[in-house]
N, C-alpha and C. Protein backbone atom coordinates (compact mmCIF):
# COMPACT_ATOMS: atom_id res chain seq x y z
N GLU A 1 -34.62 -92.87 -64.81
CA GLU A 1 -35.54 -94.07 -65.42
C GLU A 1 -34.83 -95.27 -64.37
N SER A 2 -36.09 -96.08 -63.93
CA SER A 2 -35.19 -97.15 -62.93
C SER A 2 -35.07 -98.45 -64.23
N ARG A 3 -34.57 -99.28 -63.32
CA ARG A 3 -34.30 -100.54 -64.32
C ARG A 3 -35.85 -101.49 -64.77
N THR A 4 -36.42 -101.38 -63.87
CA THR A 4 -38.16 -101.67 -64.06
C THR A 4 -38.82 -100.93 -65.39
N ASN A 5 -38.65 -99.71 -65.20
CA ASN A 5 -39.26 -98.82 -66.37
C ASN A 5 -38.44 -99.14 -67.57
N SER A 6 -37.09 -99.27 -67.51
CA SER A 6 -36.27 -99.47 -68.88
C SER A 6 -37.00 -100.59 -69.34
N ASP A 7 -36.95 -101.96 -68.54
CA ASP A 7 -37.40 -103.32 -69.06
C ASP A 7 -38.95 -103.07 -69.82
N ILE A 8 -39.81 -102.45 -69.37
CA ILE A 8 -41.05 -102.13 -69.48
C ILE A 8 -41.01 -101.55 -71.16
N VAL A 9 -40.30 -100.42 -71.06
CA VAL A 9 -40.48 -99.80 -72.13
C VAL A 9 -39.43 -100.68 -73.52
N ASP A 10 -38.93 -101.52 -73.10
CA ASP A 10 -38.16 -102.24 -74.08
C ASP A 10 -38.99 -103.26 -74.64
N THR A 11 -39.87 -103.81 -73.78
CA THR A 11 -40.63 -104.85 -74.00
C THR A 11 -42.00 -104.03 -75.07
N LEU A 12 -42.15 -102.96 -74.59
CA LEU A 12 -43.55 -102.50 -75.69
C LEU A 12 -42.61 -102.38 -76.90
N ARG A 13 -41.40 -101.93 -76.98
CA ARG A 13 -41.07 -101.56 -78.16
C ARG A 13 -41.01 -102.76 -78.77
N LYS A 14 -40.34 -103.83 -78.47
CA LYS A 14 -40.40 -105.29 -78.88
C LYS A 14 -41.87 -106.04 -79.59
N LYS A 15 -42.74 -105.31 -79.05
CA LYS A 15 -44.16 -105.54 -79.27
C LYS A 15 -45.04 -104.56 -80.21
N GLY A 16 -44.02 -103.70 -80.56
CA GLY A 16 -44.49 -102.72 -81.75
C GLY A 16 -45.41 -101.52 -80.87
N LEU A 17 -45.14 -101.51 -79.82
CA LEU A 17 -45.58 -100.21 -79.15
C LEU A 17 -44.27 -99.50 -78.54
N ASN A 18 -44.92 -98.08 -78.82
CA ASN A 18 -43.61 -97.03 -78.90
C ASN A 18 -43.76 -96.35 -76.91
N GLY A 19 -44.25 -97.16 -76.16
CA GLY A 19 -44.05 -96.61 -74.84
C GLY A 19 -44.65 -95.30 -74.80
N CYS A 20 -43.81 -94.65 -74.31
CA CYS A 20 -44.03 -93.25 -73.76
C CYS A 20 -44.71 -92.31 -74.98
N GLU A 21 -43.80 -92.62 -76.43
CA GLU A 21 -44.15 -91.84 -77.42
C GLU A 21 -45.70 -92.49 -78.20
N SER A 22 -46.23 -93.29 -77.61
CA SER A 22 -47.34 -93.73 -78.49
C SER A 22 -48.59 -92.85 -78.13
N PRO A 23 -49.59 -92.85 -78.99
CA PRO A 23 -50.42 -91.52 -78.97
C PRO A 23 -51.38 -91.93 -77.76
N ASP A 24 -51.58 -90.88 -77.33
CA ASP A 24 -52.74 -90.82 -76.06
C ASP A 24 -54.05 -91.13 -76.33
N ILE A 25 -54.48 -92.17 -75.54
CA ILE A 25 -56.10 -92.09 -76.01
C ILE A 25 -56.84 -91.23 -75.62
N GLU A 26 -57.86 -90.69 -76.06
CA GLU A 26 -58.67 -89.43 -75.58
C GLU A 26 -59.80 -90.04 -74.46
N ALA A 27 -60.12 -88.95 -73.36
CA ALA A 27 -61.05 -89.45 -72.69
C ALA A 27 -62.44 -89.98 -73.20
N ASP A 28 -62.68 -89.24 -74.26
CA ASP A 28 -64.17 -89.70 -74.96
C ASP A 28 -64.32 -91.06 -75.78
N ASP A 29 -63.08 -91.59 -75.92
CA ASP A 29 -62.75 -93.01 -76.70
C ASP A 29 -63.27 -93.76 -75.92
N SER A 30 -64.52 -94.73 -76.34
CA SER A 30 -65.09 -95.76 -75.94
C SER A 30 -64.96 -96.95 -76.26
N ALA A 31 -63.47 -97.07 -77.09
CA ALA A 31 -62.89 -98.44 -77.49
C ALA A 31 -63.79 -99.51 -76.76
N GLY A 32 -64.04 -100.68 -77.33
CA GLY A 32 -64.24 -102.05 -76.34
C GLY A 32 -65.46 -101.66 -75.47
N GLN A 33 -66.24 -100.73 -75.40
CA GLN A 33 -67.26 -100.69 -74.87
C GLN A 33 -68.50 -100.79 -75.43
N SER A 34 -69.52 -101.39 -75.20
CA SER A 34 -70.64 -101.60 -76.07
C SER A 34 -72.06 -101.03 -75.02
N PRO A 35 -73.17 -101.11 -75.33
CA PRO A 35 -74.15 -100.92 -74.63
C PRO A 35 -74.68 -101.97 -74.09
N GLU A 36 -74.31 -103.17 -74.44
CA GLU A 36 -74.40 -104.39 -73.80
C GLU A 36 -73.39 -104.47 -72.32
N LEU A 37 -72.12 -103.77 -72.40
CA LEU A 37 -71.55 -103.63 -71.22
C LEU A 37 -72.00 -102.69 -70.50
N ASP A 38 -72.33 -101.49 -70.75
CA ASP A 38 -72.73 -100.57 -70.00
C ASP A 38 -74.21 -101.10 -69.36
N ASP A 39 -74.73 -101.62 -70.20
CA ASP A 39 -76.05 -102.30 -69.32
C ASP A 39 -75.91 -103.27 -68.09
N LYS A 40 -74.70 -103.69 -68.56
CA LYS A 40 -74.35 -105.02 -67.26
C LYS A 40 -73.89 -104.20 -66.14
N TYR A 41 -73.04 -103.03 -66.56
CA TYR A 41 -72.43 -102.51 -65.32
C TYR A 41 -73.55 -101.58 -64.47
N ARG A 42 -74.47 -101.19 -65.19
CA ARG A 42 -75.57 -100.31 -64.55
C ARG A 42 -76.52 -101.31 -63.60
N LYS A 43 -76.91 -102.51 -64.40
CA LYS A 43 -77.49 -103.45 -63.38
C LYS A 43 -76.80 -104.03 -62.32
N PHE A 44 -75.33 -103.89 -62.37
CA PHE A 44 -74.49 -104.39 -61.13
C PHE A 44 -74.38 -103.51 -60.15
N ASN A 45 -74.25 -102.10 -60.39
CA ASN A 45 -74.49 -101.06 -59.49
C ASN A 45 -75.84 -101.04 -58.84
N GLU A 46 -76.75 -101.34 -59.85
CA GLU A 46 -77.82 -101.04 -58.86
C GLU A 46 -78.31 -102.27 -57.89
N ASP A 47 -77.64 -103.47 -58.24
CA ASP A 47 -77.70 -104.54 -57.30
C ASP A 47 -77.24 -104.27 -56.17
N ILE A 48 -75.85 -103.60 -56.27
CA ILE A 48 -75.00 -103.10 -55.35
C ILE A 48 -75.63 -102.09 -54.19
N ASP A 49 -76.43 -101.19 -55.14
CA ASP A 49 -77.28 -100.42 -53.94
C ASP A 49 -78.13 -101.01 -53.36
N LEU A 50 -79.01 -101.93 -53.91
CA LEU A 50 -80.09 -102.59 -53.34
C LEU A 50 -79.75 -103.29 -52.22
N MET A 51 -78.59 -103.80 -52.33
CA MET A 51 -77.84 -104.71 -51.37
C MET A 51 -77.48 -103.70 -49.96
N ILE A 52 -76.95 -102.87 -50.23
CA ILE A 52 -76.65 -101.73 -49.24
C ILE A 52 -77.92 -100.99 -48.31
N ASN A 53 -79.01 -100.90 -49.38
CA ASN A 53 -80.22 -100.26 -48.54
C ASN A 53 -80.92 -101.22 -48.06
N ARG A 54 -80.62 -102.70 -48.08
CA ARG A 54 -81.46 -103.66 -47.49
C ARG A 54 -80.89 -103.70 -46.45
N GLN A 55 -79.42 -103.73 -46.16
CA GLN A 55 -78.69 -103.80 -45.28
C GLN A 55 -78.92 -102.58 -44.38
N ARG A 56 -79.24 -101.67 -44.61
CA ARG A 56 -79.47 -100.17 -43.72
C ARG A 56 -81.25 -100.31 -43.01
N ILE A 57 -81.99 -101.00 -44.03
CA ILE A 57 -83.18 -101.10 -43.57
C ILE A 57 -83.42 -102.39 -42.79
N CYS A 58 -82.53 -103.50 -42.67
CA CYS A 58 -82.76 -104.06 -41.57
C CYS A 58 -81.74 -104.18 -40.36
N GLY A 59 -81.14 -102.80 -40.62
CA GLY A 59 -80.49 -102.62 -39.26
C GLY A 59 -79.15 -103.55 -38.53
N LEU A 60 -78.92 -104.40 -39.58
CA LEU A 60 -78.07 -105.23 -38.93
C LEU A 60 -76.59 -104.63 -38.32
N PRO A 61 -76.61 -105.02 -36.92
CA PRO A 61 -75.44 -104.13 -36.26
C PRO A 61 -74.10 -105.12 -36.74
N PRO A 62 -73.06 -103.98 -36.57
CA PRO A 62 -71.81 -104.48 -37.27
C PRO A 62 -71.27 -105.97 -36.11
N SER A 63 -70.64 -106.85 -36.47
CA SER A 63 -70.54 -108.17 -36.21
C SER A 63 -69.22 -108.00 -34.90
N SER A 64 -69.63 -108.45 -33.87
CA SER A 64 -68.80 -108.15 -32.81
C SER A 64 -68.50 -109.77 -31.80
N TYR A 65 -67.78 -110.62 -32.08
CA TYR A 65 -67.78 -111.53 -31.08
C TYR A 65 -66.97 -111.44 -29.98
N ASP A 66 -67.52 -112.22 -28.93
CA ASP A 66 -66.38 -112.22 -27.72
C ASP A 66 -66.57 -113.77 -27.68
N MET A 67 -65.43 -114.24 -27.85
CA MET A 67 -65.16 -115.74 -27.60
C MET A 67 -64.35 -116.31 -26.44
N GLY A 68 -64.64 -117.19 -25.90
CA GLY A 68 -63.63 -117.40 -24.69
C GLY A 68 -62.77 -118.37 -25.14
N VAL A 69 -61.43 -118.24 -24.53
CA VAL A 69 -60.23 -118.71 -25.13
C VAL A 69 -59.58 -119.53 -24.03
N SER A 70 -59.04 -120.66 -24.21
CA SER A 70 -58.44 -121.42 -23.08
C SER A 70 -56.69 -121.17 -23.58
N ILE A 71 -56.25 -120.97 -22.66
CA ILE A 71 -54.70 -120.40 -22.81
C ILE A 71 -54.17 -121.41 -21.77
N PRO A 72 -53.51 -122.42 -22.42
CA PRO A 72 -52.85 -123.67 -21.86
C PRO A 72 -51.70 -122.88 -21.02
N GLY A 73 -51.62 -123.15 -19.76
CA GLY A 73 -50.26 -122.82 -18.65
C GLY A 73 -50.62 -121.53 -18.13
N SER A 74 -51.42 -120.53 -18.51
CA SER A 74 -51.69 -119.31 -18.05
C SER A 74 -52.45 -119.20 -16.81
N ASN A 75 -53.62 -120.08 -17.02
CA ASN A 75 -54.81 -120.35 -16.11
C ASN A 75 -55.01 -121.57 -15.07
N PRO A 76 -54.25 -121.62 -14.24
CA PRO A 76 -54.11 -122.93 -13.11
C PRO A 76 -55.50 -123.60 -13.25
N SER A 77 -56.55 -122.93 -13.19
CA SER A 77 -57.70 -123.69 -13.02
C SER A 77 -58.27 -124.28 -14.15
N GLY A 78 -57.75 -123.80 -15.34
CA GLY A 78 -58.09 -124.89 -16.50
C GLY A 78 -59.50 -123.90 -17.24
N LEU A 79 -60.24 -123.07 -16.37
CA LEU A 79 -61.09 -122.20 -16.73
C LEU A 79 -61.06 -121.53 -18.03
N LEU A 80 -62.02 -121.26 -18.81
CA LEU A 80 -62.08 -120.14 -20.19
C LEU A 80 -61.62 -118.66 -19.67
N TYR A 81 -60.87 -118.06 -20.71
CA TYR A 81 -60.80 -117.14 -20.24
C TYR A 81 -61.29 -116.21 -21.26
N SER A 82 -62.14 -115.16 -20.81
CA SER A 82 -62.98 -114.38 -21.96
C SER A 82 -62.52 -112.90 -21.72
N HIS A 83 -62.28 -112.24 -22.83
CA HIS A 83 -61.57 -110.84 -23.02
C HIS A 83 -62.90 -109.85 -22.98
């Protein structure tokens, strides 16, 4: 057990939690979740899906910029260098 893990376990014990000995939360347990929260996440996922589909429909190409760069001292004519 590392020093960090030991510190975490000590902190949990001080707070009244038993670290590794504390009871496991069951997968079915929906403590803290509500129908309103589920609706919020569902709406958020629908919005993301819609945004992705719109981007596909518009056919937006991935952005690639080709910018000229002035590199002092390396180009005696002072012209822009474009890669």
